[in-house]
């Protein structure tokens, strides 16, 4: 953003770069993200509250660990019933508006 605003200022497209002198906070590497998965009891409660294909979708997510956009991009052609495999080769992409 800073580079784009500098270029716009140099081309006199804007009066001033509002980010001049703005400093971002440094991220601390001491605090690492720790996953917080559902407990077995939480998973059971979630699954018990669902029915039909909604339950199948969420149960598949719990069993496989697939990301949401990988899971919803699956197609029947990705399933190899003979070998008992699901082949993940794509993820749904979300375009920008």
N, C-alpha and C. Protein backbone atom coordinates (compact mmCIF):
# COMPACT_ATOMS: atom_id res chain seq x y z
N UNK A 1 0.83 -1.17 0.00
CA UNK A 1 0.00 0.00 0.00
C UNK A 1 0.88 1.24 0.00
N UNK A 2 1.93 1.20 0.81
CA UNK A 2 2.82 2.35 0.90
C UNK A 2 3.46 2.66 -0.46
N UNK A 3 3.86 1.62 -1.19
CA UNK A 3 4.49 1.81 -2.50
C UNK A 3 3.51 2.43 -3.49
N UNK A 4 2.28 1.92 -3.47
CA UNK A 4 1.26 2.45 -4.39
C UNK A 4 0.97 3.92 -4.08
N UNK A 5 0.87 4.26 -2.81
CA UNK A 5 0.60 5.66 -2.45
C UNK A 5 1.79 6.56 -2.78
N UNK A 6 3.01 6.05 -2.61
CA UNK A 6 4.19 6.84 -3.02
C UNK A 6 4.16 7.13 -4.51
N UNK A 7 3.84 6.09 -5.30
CA UNK A 7 3.78 6.28 -6.76
C UNK A 7 2.68 7.26 -7.13
N UNK A 8 1.53 7.17 -6.48
CA UNK A 8 0.43 8.10 -6.77
C UNK A 8 0.82 9.52 -6.41
N UNK A 9 1.56 9.70 -5.33
CA UNK A 9 2.03 11.03 -4.94
C UNK A 9 3.02 11.59 -5.94
N UNK A 10 3.95 10.76 -6.40
CA UNK A 10 4.94 11.20 -7.38
C UNK A 10 4.29 11.61 -8.69
N UNK A 11 3.20 10.96 -9.04
CA UNK A 11 2.48 11.28 -10.28
C UNK A 11 1.43 12.38 -10.05
N UNK A 12 1.41 12.90 -8.84
CA UNK A 12 0.47 13.96 -8.46
C UNK A 12 -0.99 13.54 -8.63
N UNK A 13 -1.25 12.25 -8.38
CA UNK A 13 -2.62 11.76 -8.41
C UNK A 13 -3.31 11.98 -7.07
N UNK A 14 -2.50 12.11 -6.02
CA UNK A 14 -3.01 12.44 -4.69
C UNK A 14 -2.15 13.57 -4.13
N UNK A 15 -2.72 14.33 -3.18
CA UNK A 15 -1.98 15.46 -2.61
C UNK A 15 -0.86 15.00 -1.70
N UNK A 16 -1.13 14.01 -0.87
CA UNK A 16 -0.09 13.53 0.04
C UNK A 16 -0.32 12.07 0.38
N UNK A 17 0.76 11.41 0.72
CA UNK A 17 0.71 10.01 1.11
C UNK A 17 0.40 9.96 2.61
N UNK A 18 -0.77 9.49 2.95
CA UNK A 18 -1.19 9.44 4.35
C UNK A 18 -0.37 8.46 5.18
N UNK A 19 0.37 7.58 4.53
CA UNK A 19 1.15 6.59 5.26
C UNK A 19 2.58 7.04 5.57
N UNK A 20 2.95 8.25 5.16
CA UNK A 20 4.30 8.74 5.47
C UNK A 20 4.42 8.84 6.99
N UNK A 21 5.44 8.20 7.52
CA UNK A 21 5.67 8.21 8.95
C UNK A 21 4.88 7.16 9.72
N UNK A 22 3.99 6.45 9.06
CA UNK A 22 3.21 5.41 9.72
C UNK A 22 4.08 4.19 9.93
N UNK A 23 4.10 3.67 11.14
CA UNK A 23 4.90 2.49 11.44
C UNK A 23 3.97 1.38 11.89
N UNK A 24 4.21 0.19 11.36
CA UNK A 24 3.42 -0.97 11.78
C UNK A 24 4.08 -1.62 12.97
N UNK A 25 3.29 -2.30 13.75
CA UNK A 25 3.84 -3.05 14.88
C UNK A 25 4.50 -4.31 14.36
N UNK A 26 5.61 -4.65 14.93
CA UNK A 26 6.30 -5.89 14.57
C UNK A 26 5.58 -7.05 15.20
N UNK A 27 5.46 -8.13 14.44
CA UNK A 27 4.87 -9.35 14.99
C UNK A 27 5.88 -10.03 15.88
N UNK A 28 5.40 -10.50 16.97
CA UNK A 28 6.27 -11.21 17.90
C UNK A 28 6.29 -12.68 17.53
N UNK A 29 7.47 -13.23 17.33
CA UNK A 29 7.59 -14.64 17.02
C UNK A 29 7.51 -15.51 18.26
N UNK A 30 7.45 -14.87 19.44
CA UNK A 30 7.40 -15.66 20.66
C UNK A 30 6.03 -16.30 20.85
N UNK A 31 5.00 -15.69 20.29
CA UNK A 31 3.65 -16.22 20.43
C UNK A 31 3.28 -16.93 19.14
N UNK A 32 3.40 -18.23 19.14
CA UNK A 32 3.07 -19.00 17.94
C UNK A 32 1.63 -19.45 18.01
N UNK A 33 1.03 -19.58 16.82
CA UNK A 33 -0.35 -20.06 16.74
C UNK A 33 -0.39 -21.53 17.10
N UNK A 34 -1.24 -21.86 18.03
CA UNK A 34 -1.44 -23.25 18.41
C UNK A 34 -2.84 -23.66 17.98
N UNK A 35 -2.96 -24.72 17.20
CA UNK A 35 -4.29 -25.18 16.81
C UNK A 35 -5.10 -25.56 18.05
N UNK A 36 -6.38 -25.33 17.97
CA UNK A 36 -7.27 -25.66 19.08
C UNK A 36 -8.42 -26.50 18.52
N UNK A 37 -8.14 -27.78 18.23
CA UNK A 37 -9.17 -28.63 17.62
C UNK A 37 -10.29 -28.94 18.60
N UNK A 38 -11.42 -29.36 18.06
CA UNK A 38 -12.52 -29.79 18.91
C UNK A 38 -12.12 -31.04 19.68
N UNK A 39 -12.59 -31.14 20.90
CA UNK A 39 -12.35 -32.36 21.68
C UNK A 39 -13.27 -33.46 21.13
N UNK A 40 -13.03 -34.70 21.56
CA UNK A 40 -13.87 -35.82 21.12
C UNK A 40 -15.33 -35.58 21.52
N UNK A 41 -15.54 -35.03 22.71
CA UNK A 41 -16.90 -34.75 23.17
C UNK A 41 -17.55 -33.67 22.32
N UNK A 42 -16.79 -32.63 21.99
CA UNK A 42 -17.33 -31.55 21.15
C UNK A 42 -17.68 -32.07 19.75
N UNK A 43 -16.78 -32.90 19.18
CA UNK A 43 -17.07 -33.48 17.87
C UNK A 43 -18.35 -34.31 17.91
N UNK A 44 -18.49 -35.13 18.94
CA UNK A 44 -19.68 -35.98 19.07
C UNK A 44 -20.94 -35.12 19.19
N UNK A 45 -20.88 -34.04 19.95
CA UNK A 45 -22.04 -33.16 20.12
C UNK A 45 -22.40 -32.48 18.81
N UNK A 46 -21.38 -32.04 18.07
CA UNK A 46 -21.63 -31.39 16.77
C UNK A 46 -22.29 -32.37 15.81
N UNK A 47 -21.72 -33.57 15.70
CA UNK A 47 -22.27 -34.57 14.79
C UNK A 47 -23.68 -35.00 15.20
N UNK A 48 -23.94 -35.08 16.50
CA UNK A 48 -25.27 -35.48 16.97
C UNK A 48 -26.33 -34.45 16.62
N UNK A 49 -25.91 -33.19 16.44
CA UNK A 49 -26.87 -32.14 16.12
C UNK A 49 -27.15 -32.02 14.62
N UNK A 50 -26.42 -32.78 13.80
CA UNK A 50 -26.57 -32.69 12.34
C UNK A 50 -27.23 -33.94 11.78
N UNK A 51 -27.83 -33.78 10.61
CA UNK A 51 -28.48 -34.91 9.93
C UNK A 51 -28.09 -34.92 8.45
N UNK A 52 -28.23 -36.07 7.83
CA UNK A 52 -28.08 -36.20 6.38
C UNK A 52 -26.73 -35.76 5.85
N UNK A 53 -26.78 -35.04 4.74
CA UNK A 53 -25.55 -34.63 4.06
C UNK A 53 -24.73 -33.62 4.87
N UNK A 54 -25.41 -32.83 5.69
CA UNK A 54 -24.67 -31.90 6.55
C UNK A 54 -23.77 -32.68 7.52
N UNK A 55 -24.32 -33.75 8.08
CA UNK A 55 -23.53 -34.59 8.99
C UNK A 55 -22.39 -35.25 8.24
N UNK A 56 -22.67 -35.76 7.05
CA UNK A 56 -21.62 -36.41 6.25
C UNK A 56 -20.49 -35.45 5.93
N UNK A 57 -20.83 -34.22 5.57
CA UNK A 57 -19.81 -33.22 5.22
C UNK A 57 -18.92 -32.91 6.42
N UNK A 58 -19.53 -32.65 7.56
CA UNK A 58 -18.75 -32.29 8.75
C UNK A 58 -17.96 -33.48 9.27
N UNK A 59 -18.55 -34.67 9.22
CA UNK A 59 -17.82 -35.85 9.65
C UNK A 59 -16.60 -36.09 8.75
N UNK A 60 -16.76 -35.87 7.45
CA UNK A 60 -15.62 -35.99 6.52
C UNK A 60 -14.54 -34.99 6.86
N UNK A 61 -14.95 -33.80 7.22
CA UNK A 61 -13.96 -32.76 7.59
C UNK A 61 -13.20 -33.20 8.84
N UNK A 62 -13.90 -33.72 9.83
CA UNK A 62 -13.23 -34.19 11.05
C UNK A 62 -12.27 -35.33 10.76
N UNK A 63 -12.68 -36.28 9.94
CA UNK A 63 -11.86 -37.46 9.68
C UNK A 63 -10.64 -37.16 8.82
N UNK A 64 -10.79 -36.27 7.84
CA UNK A 64 -9.72 -36.06 6.88
C UNK A 64 -8.78 -34.91 7.22
N UNK A 65 -9.29 -33.90 7.91
CA UNK A 65 -8.47 -32.72 8.19
C UNK A 65 -8.35 -31.80 6.99
N UNK A 66 -9.17 -32.04 5.96
CA UNK A 66 -9.12 -31.17 4.79
C UNK A 66 -9.53 -29.75 5.15
N UNK A 67 -8.95 -28.80 4.45
CA UNK A 67 -9.39 -27.42 4.59
C UNK A 67 -10.77 -27.30 3.96
N UNK A 68 -11.52 -26.30 4.41
CA UNK A 68 -12.90 -26.12 3.93
C UNK A 68 -12.96 -26.03 2.42
N UNK A 69 -12.09 -25.23 1.80
CA UNK A 69 -12.15 -25.03 0.35
C UNK A 69 -11.69 -26.26 -0.42
N UNK A 70 -10.90 -27.13 0.20
CA UNK A 70 -10.56 -28.42 -0.42
C UNK A 70 -11.75 -29.37 -0.34
N UNK A 71 -12.40 -29.37 0.80
CA UNK A 71 -13.52 -30.28 1.02
C UNK A 71 -14.67 -29.98 0.07
N UNK A 72 -15.03 -28.72 -0.08
CA UNK A 72 -16.17 -28.40 -0.92
C UNK A 72 -15.85 -28.44 -2.41
N UNK A 73 -14.56 -28.53 -2.75
CA UNK A 73 -14.18 -28.65 -4.16
C UNK A 73 -14.17 -30.11 -4.62
N UNK A 74 -14.33 -31.06 -3.68
CA UNK A 74 -14.31 -32.47 -4.05
C UNK A 74 -15.47 -32.81 -4.99
N UNK A 75 -15.17 -33.73 -5.89
CA UNK A 75 -16.17 -34.21 -6.84
C UNK A 75 -16.14 -35.74 -6.78
N UNK A 76 -17.19 -36.37 -7.27
CA UNK A 76 -17.23 -37.83 -7.24
C UNK A 76 -16.03 -38.44 -7.98
N UNK A 77 -15.52 -37.76 -8.98
CA UNK A 77 -14.37 -38.29 -9.73
C UNK A 77 -13.09 -38.30 -8.89
N UNK A 78 -13.09 -37.62 -7.75
CA UNK A 78 -11.92 -37.60 -6.86
C UNK A 78 -11.88 -38.81 -5.93
N UNK A 79 -12.93 -39.62 -5.97
CA UNK A 79 -13.02 -40.77 -5.07
C UNK A 79 -12.67 -42.05 -5.83
N UNK A 80 -11.67 -42.76 -5.33
CA UNK A 80 -11.26 -44.04 -5.89
C UNK A 80 -11.77 -45.13 -4.94
N UNK A 81 -12.99 -45.64 -5.22
CA UNK A 81 -13.60 -46.63 -4.32
C UNK A 81 -12.82 -47.93 -4.30
N UNK A 82 -12.23 -48.30 -5.43
CA UNK A 82 -11.49 -49.56 -5.52
C UNK A 82 -10.31 -49.57 -4.54
N UNK A 83 -9.59 -48.46 -4.48
CA UNK A 83 -8.43 -48.37 -3.58
C UNK A 83 -8.77 -47.74 -2.24
N UNK A 84 -10.00 -47.25 -2.08
CA UNK A 84 -10.41 -46.63 -0.83
C UNK A 84 -9.71 -45.31 -0.57
N UNK A 85 -9.56 -44.51 -1.65
CA UNK A 85 -8.85 -43.24 -1.54
C UNK A 85 -9.69 -42.07 -2.02
N UNK A 86 -9.44 -40.93 -1.43
CA UNK A 86 -9.95 -39.67 -1.94
C UNK A 86 -8.74 -38.88 -2.37
N UNK A 87 -8.70 -38.48 -3.62
CA UNK A 87 -7.55 -37.77 -4.17
C UNK A 87 -7.87 -36.28 -4.21
N UNK A 88 -7.13 -35.52 -3.43
CA UNK A 88 -7.35 -34.07 -3.35
C UNK A 88 -6.36 -33.39 -4.28
N UNK A 89 -6.87 -32.80 -5.35
CA UNK A 89 -6.01 -32.15 -6.34
C UNK A 89 -6.34 -30.67 -6.52
N UNK A 90 -7.40 -30.22 -5.83
CA UNK A 90 -7.81 -28.83 -6.06
C UNK A 90 -8.50 -28.30 -4.82
N UNK A 91 -8.65 -27.00 -4.81
CA UNK A 91 -9.42 -26.31 -3.77
C UNK A 91 -10.25 -25.25 -4.47
N UNK A 92 -11.39 -24.99 -3.91
CA UNK A 92 -12.23 -23.94 -4.46
C UNK A 92 -11.51 -22.61 -4.27
N UNK A 93 -11.55 -21.77 -5.25
CA UNK A 93 -10.95 -20.45 -5.11
C UNK A 93 -12.05 -19.41 -5.10
N UNK A 94 -11.83 -18.39 -4.33
CA UNK A 94 -12.82 -17.32 -4.24
C UNK A 94 -12.23 -16.08 -4.89
N UNK A 95 -12.89 -15.62 -5.94
CA UNK A 95 -12.41 -14.43 -6.64
C UNK A 95 -12.69 -13.17 -5.86
N UNK A 96 -11.96 -12.15 -6.19
CA UNK A 96 -12.19 -10.85 -5.55
C UNK A 96 -13.18 -10.05 -6.35
N UNK A 97 -14.01 -9.36 -5.66
CA UNK A 97 -15.04 -8.54 -6.33
C UNK A 97 -14.45 -7.23 -6.79
